[in-house]
Amino acid sequence: MERIEIYTSKKKSVLLLIGSIAFVALGVWLLMESDNLTGWRARNPIITRGIGIASILFFGLGIFVGIKRLIKSEIALIIDPIGLNINPKKSLTEFIKWEDILGFEEIKIQSTRILIIGVKNPESWLEKETSTIRKKMMQFNINNYNSPFNIAASGLDISSKELNEKLNSNFEKYKTRYNIRQ
């Protein structure tokens, strides 16, 4: 039984960590120097403090996530003979059997390549989802790409080309087992 596990990228986690530290430092500087920074658009020091606090809070979370991913890579995708499991730690509804997959289509949004997973009856996946936020994201994907699922290799420890090849080769291998017709 061949099982392929794809993890989040440590190199990209380092970049997230470095960027987040820089923006937290900028936020601290804005907070400390807000009274002296009246020569730019935000003449009011309260606005400058608000921007500094927002930067510290948002990018502080980025530091936490970056460190967490550096310490332990999270599994992001499992490919096995039964099907695909997208975000195995986060959602149980994102296990897709090979017999429910119609194929894969690659799209490009700016410079990011995204693989759309074509599934039978996309609305049924929407009904299974319990999280309101995930349900809204799935509805957006269905409206725009006719599928609730997509995968971007940008945060993974694999290139977009390799991901596309692995998914398509496994789909070809297992679709004959399940007599899948496109």
N, C-alpha and C. Protein backbone atom coordinates (compact mmCIF):
# COMPACT_ATOMS: atom_id res chain seq x y z
N MET A 1 0.85 -1.18 0.00
CA MET A 1 0.00 0.00 0.00
C MET A 1 0.89 1.24 0.00
N GLU A 2 0.89 1.94 -1.10
CA GLU A 2 1.72 3.11 -1.26
C GLU A 2 1.01 4.35 -0.72
N ARG A 3 1.66 5.03 0.20
CA ARG A 3 1.10 6.24 0.80
C ARG A 3 2.15 7.35 0.68
N ILE A 4 1.74 8.48 0.12
CA ILE A 4 2.64 9.62 -0.04
C ILE A 4 2.15 10.73 0.88
N GLU A 5 3.06 11.21 1.73
CA GLU A 5 2.74 12.32 2.63
C GLU A 5 3.54 13.54 2.20
N ILE A 6 2.87 14.66 2.06
CA ILE A 6 3.51 15.90 1.66
C ILE A 6 3.37 16.89 2.83
N TYR A 7 4.50 17.46 3.23
CA TYR A 7 4.55 18.34 4.40
C TYR A 7 4.70 19.80 4.00
N THR A 8 4.50 20.69 4.98
CA THR A 8 4.74 22.11 4.76
C THR A 8 6.24 22.35 4.63
N SER A 9 6.60 23.41 3.94
CA SER A 9 8.00 23.71 3.64
C SER A 9 8.68 24.46 4.79
N LYS A 10 9.83 23.96 5.22
CA LYS A 10 10.60 24.64 6.27
C LYS A 10 11.24 25.92 5.73
N LYS A 11 11.68 25.90 4.47
CA LYS A 11 12.31 27.08 3.87
C LYS A 11 11.31 28.23 3.82
N LYS A 12 10.08 27.95 3.45
CA LYS A 12 9.06 28.98 3.38
C LYS A 12 8.64 29.44 4.77
N SER A 13 8.76 28.55 5.76
CA SER A 13 8.48 28.93 7.14
C SER A 13 9.53 29.90 7.66
N VAL A 14 10.79 29.72 7.25
CA VAL A 14 11.86 30.64 7.64
C VAL A 14 11.58 32.02 7.05
N LEU A 15 11.15 32.06 5.78
CA LEU A 15 10.82 33.35 5.16
C LEU A 15 9.66 34.03 5.87
N LEU A 16 8.65 33.26 6.25
CA LEU A 16 7.52 33.79 7.02
C LEU A 16 8.00 34.36 8.34
N LEU A 17 8.88 33.64 9.02
CA LEU A 17 9.40 34.07 10.31
C LEU A 17 10.20 35.38 10.18
N ILE A 18 11.09 35.45 9.21
CA ILE A 18 11.91 36.65 9.00
C ILE A 18 11.04 37.86 8.67
N GLY A 19 10.10 37.67 7.75
CA GLY A 19 9.19 38.76 7.39
C GLY A 19 8.34 39.23 8.56
N SER A 20 7.85 38.29 9.35
CA SER A 20 7.02 38.63 10.50
C SER A 20 7.82 39.39 11.56
N ILE A 21 9.06 38.97 11.79
CA ILE A 21 9.91 39.67 12.76
C ILE A 21 10.15 41.11 12.31
N ALA A 22 10.39 41.29 11.01
CA ALA A 22 10.62 42.64 10.48
C ALA A 22 9.38 43.53 10.68
N PHE A 23 8.20 43.00 10.42
CA PHE A 23 6.99 43.80 10.57
C PHE A 23 6.62 44.03 12.03
N VAL A 24 6.94 43.11 12.92
CA VAL A 24 6.72 43.35 14.35
C VAL A 24 7.66 44.46 14.82
N ALA A 25 8.93 44.43 14.35
CA ALA A 25 9.88 45.49 14.70
C ALA A 25 9.38 46.84 14.19
N LEU A 26 8.86 46.87 12.97
CA LEU A 26 8.30 48.10 12.42
C LEU A 26 7.12 48.57 13.26
N GLY A 27 6.27 47.65 13.69
CA GLY A 27 5.12 48.00 14.53
C GLY A 27 5.55 48.57 15.87
N VAL A 28 6.58 47.99 16.47
CA VAL A 28 7.10 48.51 17.75
C VAL A 28 7.65 49.92 17.54
N TRP A 29 8.38 50.11 16.44
CA TRP A 29 8.93 51.43 16.13
C TRP A 29 7.80 52.45 15.93
N LEU A 30 6.77 52.09 15.19
CA LEU A 30 5.64 53.00 15.00
C LEU A 30 4.96 53.34 16.33
N LEU A 31 4.84 52.36 17.19
CA LEU A 31 4.21 52.57 18.49
C LEU A 31 5.05 53.51 19.36
N MET A 32 6.36 53.33 19.35
CA MET A 32 7.26 54.14 20.19
C MET A 32 7.44 55.56 19.65
N GLU A 33 7.44 55.70 18.33
CA GLU A 33 7.73 56.99 17.70
C GLU A 33 6.48 57.68 17.15
N SER A 34 5.30 57.27 17.58
CA SER A 34 4.07 57.82 16.99
C SER A 34 3.93 59.33 17.17
N ASP A 35 4.43 59.87 18.28
CA ASP A 35 4.33 61.31 18.51
C ASP A 35 5.26 62.10 17.59
N ASN A 36 6.34 61.49 17.17
CA ASN A 36 7.32 62.18 16.32
C ASN A 36 7.03 62.02 14.83
N LEU A 37 6.11 61.17 14.46
CA LEU A 37 5.82 60.88 13.05
C LEU A 37 4.56 61.62 12.59
N THR A 38 4.57 62.93 12.66
CA THR A 38 3.39 63.69 12.24
C THR A 38 3.55 64.29 10.86
N GLY A 39 4.67 64.06 10.20
CA GLY A 39 4.92 64.65 8.89
C GLY A 39 4.40 63.83 7.73
N TRP A 40 3.84 62.65 7.98
CA TRP A 40 3.34 61.85 6.87
C TRP A 40 1.82 61.86 6.87
N ARG A 41 1.18 61.07 6.10
CA ARG A 41 -0.28 61.12 5.90
C ARG A 41 -1.07 61.01 7.20
N ALA A 42 -0.65 60.12 8.07
CA ALA A 42 -1.36 59.95 9.34
C ALA A 42 -0.81 60.97 10.33
N ARG A 43 -1.33 62.16 10.31
CA ARG A 43 -0.84 63.24 11.19
C ARG A 43 -1.24 62.99 12.64
N ASN A 44 -2.23 62.18 12.84
CA ASN A 44 -2.70 61.89 14.19
C ASN A 44 -1.90 60.72 14.78
N PRO A 45 -1.25 60.90 15.95
CA PRO A 45 -0.46 59.81 16.53
C PRO A 45 -1.30 58.60 16.93
N ILE A 46 -2.58 58.78 17.15
CA ILE A 46 -3.45 57.66 17.52
C ILE A 46 -3.55 56.68 16.35
N ILE A 47 -3.65 57.20 15.13
CA ILE A 47 -3.71 56.34 13.94
C ILE A 47 -2.39 55.57 13.79
N THR A 48 -1.28 56.27 14.02
CA THR A 48 0.03 55.63 13.92
C THR A 48 0.17 54.53 14.96
N ARG A 49 -0.28 54.78 16.19
CA ARG A 49 -0.25 53.75 17.24
C ARG A 49 -1.13 52.56 16.86
N GLY A 50 -2.30 52.85 16.30
CA GLY A 50 -3.20 51.77 15.88
C GLY A 50 -2.57 50.89 14.81
N ILE A 51 -1.89 51.52 13.86
CA ILE A 51 -1.20 50.75 12.81
C ILE A 51 -0.09 49.91 13.44
N GLY A 52 0.65 50.49 14.38
CA GLY A 52 1.72 49.76 15.07
C GLY A 52 1.19 48.57 15.85
N ILE A 53 0.10 48.77 16.58
CA ILE A 53 -0.50 47.68 17.36
C ILE A 53 -1.03 46.58 16.45
N ALA A 54 -1.70 46.97 15.36
CA ALA A 54 -2.22 45.98 14.41
C ALA A 54 -1.08 45.18 13.80
N SER A 55 0.02 45.86 13.47
CA SER A 55 1.18 45.17 12.89
C SER A 55 1.78 44.19 13.89
N ILE A 56 1.90 44.59 15.14
CA ILE A 56 2.46 43.71 16.17
C ILE A 56 1.58 42.48 16.37
N LEU A 57 0.26 42.69 16.45
CA LEU A 57 -0.65 41.56 16.68
C LEU A 57 -0.68 40.60 15.50
N PHE A 58 -0.87 41.13 14.30
CA PHE A 58 -0.99 40.27 13.11
C PHE A 58 0.30 39.52 12.81
N PHE A 59 1.40 40.24 12.76
CA PHE A 59 2.66 39.60 12.43
C PHE A 59 3.26 38.84 13.61
N GLY A 60 2.81 39.16 14.83
CA GLY A 60 3.18 38.33 15.99
C GLY A 60 2.61 36.93 15.83
N LEU A 61 1.40 36.84 15.29
CA LEU A 61 0.82 35.54 14.98
C LEU A 61 1.64 34.82 13.90
N GLY A 62 2.15 35.59 12.94
CA GLY A 62 3.03 35.03 11.90
C GLY A 62 4.30 34.45 12.50
N ILE A 63 4.85 35.12 13.52
CA ILE A 63 6.04 34.60 14.21
C ILE A 63 5.70 33.27 14.88
N PHE A 64 4.56 33.23 15.56
CA PHE A 64 4.13 32.00 16.23
C PHE A 64 3.98 30.85 15.23
N VAL A 65 3.31 31.10 14.12
CA VAL A 65 3.10 30.07 13.11
C VAL A 65 4.42 29.64 12.49
N GLY A 66 5.30 30.61 12.19
CA GLY A 66 6.59 30.30 11.61
C GLY A 66 7.45 29.42 12.51
N ILE A 67 7.49 29.76 13.79
CA ILE A 67 8.27 28.96 14.75
C ILE A 67 7.66 27.57 14.90
N LYS A 68 6.34 27.50 14.96
CA LYS A 68 5.66 26.21 15.10
C LYS A 68 5.97 25.31 13.90
N ARG A 69 5.95 25.88 12.70
CA ARG A 69 6.24 25.08 11.50
C ARG A 69 7.71 24.70 11.39
N LEU A 70 8.60 25.55 11.93
CA LEU A 70 10.02 25.22 11.92
C LEU A 70 10.33 24.06 12.87
N ILE A 71 9.69 24.09 14.03
CA ILE A 71 9.92 23.03 15.02
C ILE A 71 9.40 21.70 14.51
N LYS A 72 8.18 21.73 13.97
CA LYS A 72 7.58 20.49 13.49
C LYS A 72 6.78 20.77 12.21
N SER A 73 7.22 20.20 11.11
CA SER A 73 6.48 20.35 9.86
C SER A 73 5.12 19.68 9.99
N GLU A 74 4.11 20.36 9.48
CA GLU A 74 2.76 19.79 9.50
C GLU A 74 2.51 19.05 8.20
N ILE A 75 1.78 17.97 8.31
CA ILE A 75 1.40 17.23 7.11
C ILE A 75 0.27 18.01 6.43
N ALA A 76 0.41 18.22 5.13
CA ALA A 76 -0.55 19.04 4.41
C ALA A 76 -1.40 18.24 3.42
N LEU A 77 -0.88 17.12 2.95
CA LEU A 77 -1.59 16.34 1.94
C LEU A 77 -1.16 14.88 2.04
N ILE A 78 -2.13 13.98 1.98
CA ILE A 78 -1.85 12.54 1.96
C ILE A 78 -2.47 11.98 0.67
N ILE A 79 -1.64 11.28 -0.08
CA ILE A 79 -2.11 10.59 -1.29
C ILE A 79 -1.96 9.10 -1.02
N ASP A 80 -3.06 8.36 -1.07
CA ASP A 80 -2.98 6.91 -0.86
C ASP A 80 -3.91 6.19 -1.82
N PRO A 81 -3.93 4.86 -1.81
CA PRO A 81 -4.77 4.12 -2.76
C PRO A 81 -6.27 4.38 -2.64
N ILE A 82 -6.71 4.90 -1.52
CA ILE A 82 -8.14 5.16 -1.34
C ILE A 82 -8.53 6.53 -1.88
N GLY A 83 -7.63 7.52 -1.71
CA GLY A 83 -7.94 8.86 -2.17
C GLY A 83 -6.95 9.90 -1.66
N LEU A 84 -7.42 11.15 -1.63
CA LEU A 84 -6.62 12.28 -1.17
C LEU A 84 -7.16 12.79 0.14
N ASN A 85 -6.27 13.22 1.02
CA ASN A 85 -6.68 13.87 2.25
C ASN A 85 -5.98 15.23 2.29
N ILE A 86 -6.75 16.28 2.07
CA ILE A 86 -6.23 17.63 2.08
C ILE A 86 -6.39 18.17 3.49
N ASN A 87 -5.35 18.76 4.04
CA ASN A 87 -5.36 19.29 5.41
C ASN A 87 -5.83 18.23 6.41
N PRO A 88 -5.13 17.11 6.53
CA PRO A 88 -5.60 16.02 7.38
C PRO A 88 -5.77 16.39 8.85
N LYS A 89 -5.03 17.35 9.34
CA LYS A 89 -5.14 17.73 10.75
C LYS A 89 -6.28 18.70 11.00
N LYS A 90 -6.74 19.40 9.96
CA LYS A 90 -7.69 20.48 10.15
C LYS A 90 -9.13 20.11 9.84
N SER A 91 -9.35 19.24 8.87
CA SER A 91 -10.72 18.97 8.45
C SER A 91 -10.89 17.51 8.05
N LEU A 92 -11.89 16.89 8.61
CA LEU A 92 -12.18 15.50 8.27
C LEU A 92 -13.00 15.39 6.98
N THR A 93 -13.66 16.49 6.56
CA THR A 93 -14.49 16.44 5.36
C THR A 93 -13.66 16.55 4.09
N GLU A 94 -12.38 16.82 4.22
CA GLU A 94 -11.56 17.02 3.02
C GLU A 94 -10.83 15.75 2.60
N PHE A 95 -11.38 14.58 2.93
CA PHE A 95 -10.87 13.32 2.38
C PHE A 95 -11.69 13.03 1.14
N ILE A 96 -11.02 12.93 -0.01
CA ILE A 96 -11.70 12.74 -1.29
C ILE A 96 -11.29 11.39 -1.86
N LYS A 97 -12.24 10.50 -2.06
CA LYS A 97 -11.95 9.20 -2.65
C LYS A 97 -11.68 9.36 -4.13
N TRP A 98 -10.85 8.47 -4.68
CA TRP A 98 -10.52 8.51 -6.11
C TRP A 98 -11.77 8.41 -6.96
N GLU A 99 -12.75 7.66 -6.49
CA GLU A 99 -13.97 7.49 -7.28
C GLU A 99 -14.81 8.77 -7.35
N ASP A 100 -14.54 9.73 -6.45
CA ASP A 100 -15.26 11.01 -6.48
C ASP A 100 -14.52 12.09 -7.27
N ILE A 101 -13.30 11.79 -7.71
CA ILE A 101 -12.48 12.77 -8.42
C ILE A 101 -12.69 12.62 -9.93
N LEU A 102 -12.90 13.76 -10.59
CA LEU A 102 -13.05 13.77 -12.05
C LEU A 102 -11.74 14.07 -12.75
N GLY A 103 -10.84 14.76 -12.09
CA GLY A 103 -9.55 15.11 -12.67
C GLY A 103 -8.98 16.35 -12.01
N PHE A 104 -7.85 16.81 -12.54
CA PHE A 104 -7.15 17.97 -11.99
C PHE A 104 -6.94 18.99 -13.09
N GLU A 105 -7.10 20.26 -12.73
CA GLU A 105 -6.88 21.34 -13.68
C GLU A 105 -5.98 22.37 -13.01
N GLU A 106 -4.96 22.81 -13.74
CA GLU A 106 -4.05 23.80 -13.19
C GLU A 106 -4.42 25.18 -13.69
N ILE A 107 -4.53 26.13 -12.75
CA ILE A 107 -4.75 27.52 -13.12
C ILE A 107 -3.60 28.34 -12.55
N LYS A 108 -3.45 29.54 -13.06
CA LYS A 108 -2.39 30.41 -12.58
C LYS A 108 -3.02 31.75 -12.20
N ILE A 109 -2.86 32.13 -10.94
CA ILE A 109 -3.33 33.43 -10.47
C ILE A 109 -2.08 34.22 -10.13
N GLN A 110 -1.84 35.27 -10.90
CA GLN A 110 -0.58 36.03 -10.88
C GLN A 110 0.56 35.04 -11.08
N SER A 111 1.41 34.81 -10.10
CA SER A 111 2.52 33.88 -10.32
C SER A 111 2.33 32.57 -9.56
N THR A 112 1.19 32.40 -8.93
CA THR A 112 0.92 31.20 -8.13
C THR A 112 0.13 30.18 -8.94
N ARG A 113 0.67 28.97 -9.03
CA ARG A 113 -0.04 27.88 -9.72
C ARG A 113 -0.91 27.16 -8.70
N ILE A 114 -2.16 26.95 -9.06
CA ILE A 114 -3.12 26.29 -8.18
C ILE A 114 -3.74 25.12 -8.93
N LEU A 115 -3.81 23.97 -8.26
CA LEU A 115 -4.45 22.79 -8.84
C LEU A 115 -5.89 22.71 -8.33
N ILE A 116 -6.82 22.71 -9.25
CA ILE A 116 -8.23 22.56 -8.91
C ILE A 116 -8.55 21.07 -8.99
N ILE A 117 -9.16 20.54 -7.94
CA ILE A 117 -9.53 19.12 -7.91
C ILE A 117 -11.00 19.03 -8.33
N GLY A 118 -11.23 18.54 -9.54
CA GLY A 118 -12.60 18.36 -10.02
C GLY A 118 -13.25 17.17 -9.34
N VAL A 119 -14.40 17.41 -8.70
CA VAL A 119 -15.10 16.34 -7.99
C VAL A 119 -16.54 16.21 -8.49
N LYS A 120 -17.08 15.01 -8.31
CA LYS A 120 -18.49 14.79 -8.62
C LYS A 120 -19.34 15.49 -7.55
N ASN A 121 -20.41 16.10 -7.96
CA ASN A 121 -21.38 16.73 -7.07
C ASN A 121 -20.72 17.64 -6.03
N PRO A 122 -20.16 18.79 -6.47
CA PRO A 122 -19.45 19.69 -5.55
C PRO A 122 -20.31 20.22 -4.40
N GLU A 123 -21.62 20.38 -4.63
CA GLU A 123 -22.48 20.92 -3.59
C GLU A 123 -22.62 19.98 -2.38
N SER A 124 -22.49 18.67 -2.62
CA SER A 124 -22.60 17.73 -1.50
C SER A 124 -21.45 17.92 -0.51
N TRP A 125 -20.27 18.32 -1.01
CA TRP A 125 -19.13 18.58 -0.13
C TRP A 125 -19.39 19.81 0.72
N LEU A 126 -20.08 20.77 0.15
CA LEU A 126 -20.42 22.00 0.86
C LEU A 126 -21.37 21.69 2.02
N GLU A 127 -22.31 20.79 1.80
CA GLU A 127 -23.28 20.43 2.84
C GLU A 127 -22.61 19.69 4.00
N LYS A 128 -21.54 18.93 3.74
CA LYS A 128 -20.85 18.18 4.78
C LYS A 128 -20.03 19.06 5.71
N GLU A 129 -19.58 20.21 5.21
CA GLU A 129 -18.69 21.07 5.99
C GLU A 129 -19.43 21.72 7.16
N THR A 130 -18.81 21.69 8.33
CA THR A 130 -19.43 22.26 9.53
C THR A 130 -18.90 23.66 9.86
N SER A 131 -17.69 23.96 9.46
CA SER A 131 -17.10 25.28 9.74
C SER A 131 -17.66 26.32 8.77
N THR A 132 -18.16 27.42 9.33
CA THR A 132 -18.76 28.48 8.51
C THR A 132 -17.73 29.11 7.59
N ILE A 133 -16.53 29.34 8.08
CA ILE A 133 -15.50 29.98 7.27
C ILE A 133 -15.10 29.07 6.12
N ARG A 134 -14.87 27.79 6.40
CA ARG A 134 -14.52 26.84 5.33
C ARG A 134 -15.66 26.71 4.32
N LYS A 135 -16.89 26.75 4.82
CA LYS A 135 -18.05 26.64 3.93
C LYS A 135 -18.09 27.82 2.96
N LYS A 136 -17.80 29.02 3.46
CA LYS A 136 -17.78 30.22 2.60
C LYS A 136 -16.66 30.12 1.57
N MET A 137 -15.48 29.63 1.98
CA MET A 137 -14.37 29.48 1.04
C MET A 137 -14.71 28.43 -0.02
N MET A 138 -15.34 27.34 0.40
CA MET A 138 -15.72 26.29 -0.55
C MET A 138 -16.77 26.82 -1.53
N GLN A 139 -17.71 27.63 -1.05
CA GLN A 139 -18.73 28.21 -1.92
C GLN A 139 -18.09 29.14 -2.95
N PHE A 140 -17.11 29.93 -2.51
CA PHE A 140 -16.37 30.80 -3.44
C PHE A 140 -15.69 29.97 -4.52
N ASN A 141 -15.03 28.87 -4.11
CA ASN A 141 -14.34 28.00 -5.07
C ASN A 141 -15.32 27.36 -6.05
N ILE A 142 -16.47 26.93 -5.56
CA ILE A 142 -17.48 26.32 -6.44
C ILE A 142 -17.97 27.36 -7.45
N ASN A 143 -18.25 28.57 -6.98
CA ASN A 143 -18.74 29.62 -7.88
C ASN A 143 -17.73 29.98 -8.96
N ASN A 144 -16.45 29.97 -8.61
CA ASN A 144 -15.42 30.43 -9.55
C ASN A 144 -14.75 29.30 -10.33
N TYR A 145 -14.62 28.12 -9.74
CA TYR A 145 -13.84 27.05 -10.38
C TYR A 145 -14.60 25.72 -10.49
N ASN A 146 -15.88 25.70 -10.12
CA ASN A 146 -16.73 24.50 -10.19
C ASN A 146 -16.22 23.35 -9.33
N SER A 147 -15.46 23.66 -8.30
CA SER A 147 -14.96 22.63 -7.38
C SER A 147 -14.69 23.27 -6.02
N PRO A 148 -15.02 22.58 -4.94
CA PRO A 148 -14.76 23.15 -3.61
C PRO A 148 -13.30 23.02 -3.17
N PHE A 149 -12.49 22.26 -3.90
CA PHE A 149 -11.13 21.96 -3.45
C PHE A 149 -10.08 22.48 -4.41
N ASN A 150 -9.02 23.04 -3.85
CA ASN A 150 -7.85 23.41 -4.63
C ASN A 150 -6.61 23.27 -3.76
N ILE A 151 -5.47 23.11 -4.40
CA ILE A 151 -4.20 22.96 -3.69
C ILE A 151 -3.19 23.88 -4.36
N ALA A 152 -2.52 24.70 -3.55
CA ALA A 152 -1.41 25.50 -4.04
C ALA A 152 -0.13 24.93 -3.43
N ALA A 153 0.85 24.70 -4.24
CA ALA A 153 2.11 24.12 -3.77
C ALA A 153 3.01 25.16 -3.11
N SER A 154 2.56 26.41 -3.08
CA SER A 154 3.41 27.49 -2.57
C SER A 154 3.86 27.30 -1.13
N GLY A 155 3.07 26.67 -0.29
CA GLY A 155 3.45 26.45 1.09
C GLY A 155 3.93 25.04 1.37
N LEU A 156 4.03 24.23 0.33
CA LEU A 156 4.39 22.83 0.50
C LEU A 156 5.86 22.58 0.18
N ASP A 157 6.34 21.44 0.63
CA ASP A 157 7.73 21.05 0.41
C ASP A 157 7.87 20.29 -0.92
N ILE A 158 7.16 20.77 -1.94
CA ILE A 158 7.15 20.14 -3.25
C ILE A 158 6.83 21.23 -4.27
N SER A 159 7.36 21.09 -5.47
CA SER A 159 7.07 22.09 -6.50
C SER A 159 5.68 21.83 -7.08
N SER A 160 5.15 22.83 -7.74
CA SER A 160 3.83 22.71 -8.35
C SER A 160 3.83 21.65 -9.44
N LYS A 161 4.92 21.58 -10.21
CA LYS A 161 5.03 20.59 -11.28
C LYS A 161 5.05 19.17 -10.70
N GLU A 162 5.85 18.95 -9.64
CA GLU A 162 5.91 17.62 -9.01
C GLU A 162 4.56 17.22 -8.41
N LEU A 163 3.89 18.19 -7.78
CA LEU A 163 2.57 17.91 -7.20
C LEU A 163 1.59 17.50 -8.28
N ASN A 164 1.58 18.23 -9.38
CA ASN A 164 0.69 17.92 -10.50
C ASN A 164 0.98 16.52 -11.04
N GLU A 165 2.26 16.19 -11.21
CA GLU A 165 2.64 14.87 -11.72
C GLU A 165 2.22 13.75 -10.76
N LYS A 166 2.46 13.94 -9.47
CA LYS A 166 2.09 12.91 -8.48
C LYS A 166 0.58 12.69 -8.46
N LEU A 167 -0.18 13.78 -8.44
CA LEU A 167 -1.64 13.64 -8.38
C LEU A 167 -2.18 12.97 -9.64
N ASN A 168 -1.71 13.41 -10.80
CA ASN A 168 -2.21 12.83 -12.05
C ASN A 168 -1.78 11.37 -12.22
N SER A 169 -0.54 11.03 -11.85
CA SER A 169 -0.11 9.64 -11.99
C SER A 169 -0.87 8.72 -11.04
N ASN A 170 -1.12 9.18 -9.82
CA ASN A 170 -1.90 8.37 -8.89
C ASN A 170 -3.35 8.28 -9.33
N PHE A 171 -3.90 9.34 -9.89
CA PHE A 171 -5.27 9.31 -10.39
C PHE A 171 -5.39 8.30 -11.51
N GLU A 172 -4.43 8.32 -12.44
CA GLU A 172 -4.43 7.35 -13.54
C GLU A 172 -4.32 5.92 -13.02
N LYS A 173 -3.45 5.72 -12.01
CA LYS A 173 -3.23 4.39 -11.47
C LYS A 173 -4.48 3.85 -10.76
N TYR A 174 -5.15 4.70 -10.00
CA TYR A 174 -6.28 4.22 -9.18
C TYR A 174 -7.64 4.36 -9.86
N LYS A 175 -7.74 5.16 -10.92
CA LYS A 175 -9.06 5.28 -11.57
C LYS A 175 -9.46 3.98 -12.25
N THR A 176 -8.48 3.19 -12.73
CA THR A 176 -8.82 1.91 -13.34
C THR A 176 -9.32 0.93 -12.28
N ARG A 177 -8.78 1.04 -11.07
CA ARG A 177 -9.22 0.17 -9.98
C ARG A 177 -10.68 0.42 -9.63
N TYR A 178 -11.10 1.69 -9.71
CA TYR A 178 -12.46 2.04 -9.34
C TYR A 178 -13.37 2.27 -10.54
N ASN A 179 -12.87 1.96 -11.76
CA ASN A 179 -13.64 2.13 -13.00
C ASN A 179 -14.21 3.55 -13.11
N ILE A 180 -13.35 4.52 -12.95
CA ILE A 180 -13.76 5.92 -13.03
C ILE A 180 -13.78 6.33 -14.49
N ARG A 181 -14.88 6.94 -14.88
CA ARG A 181 -15.01 7.46 -16.24
C ARG A 181 -15.04 8.96 -16.17
N GLN A 182 -14.31 9.60 -17.05
CA GLN A 182 -14.27 11.06 -17.06
C GLN A 182 -15.33 11.62 -17.96
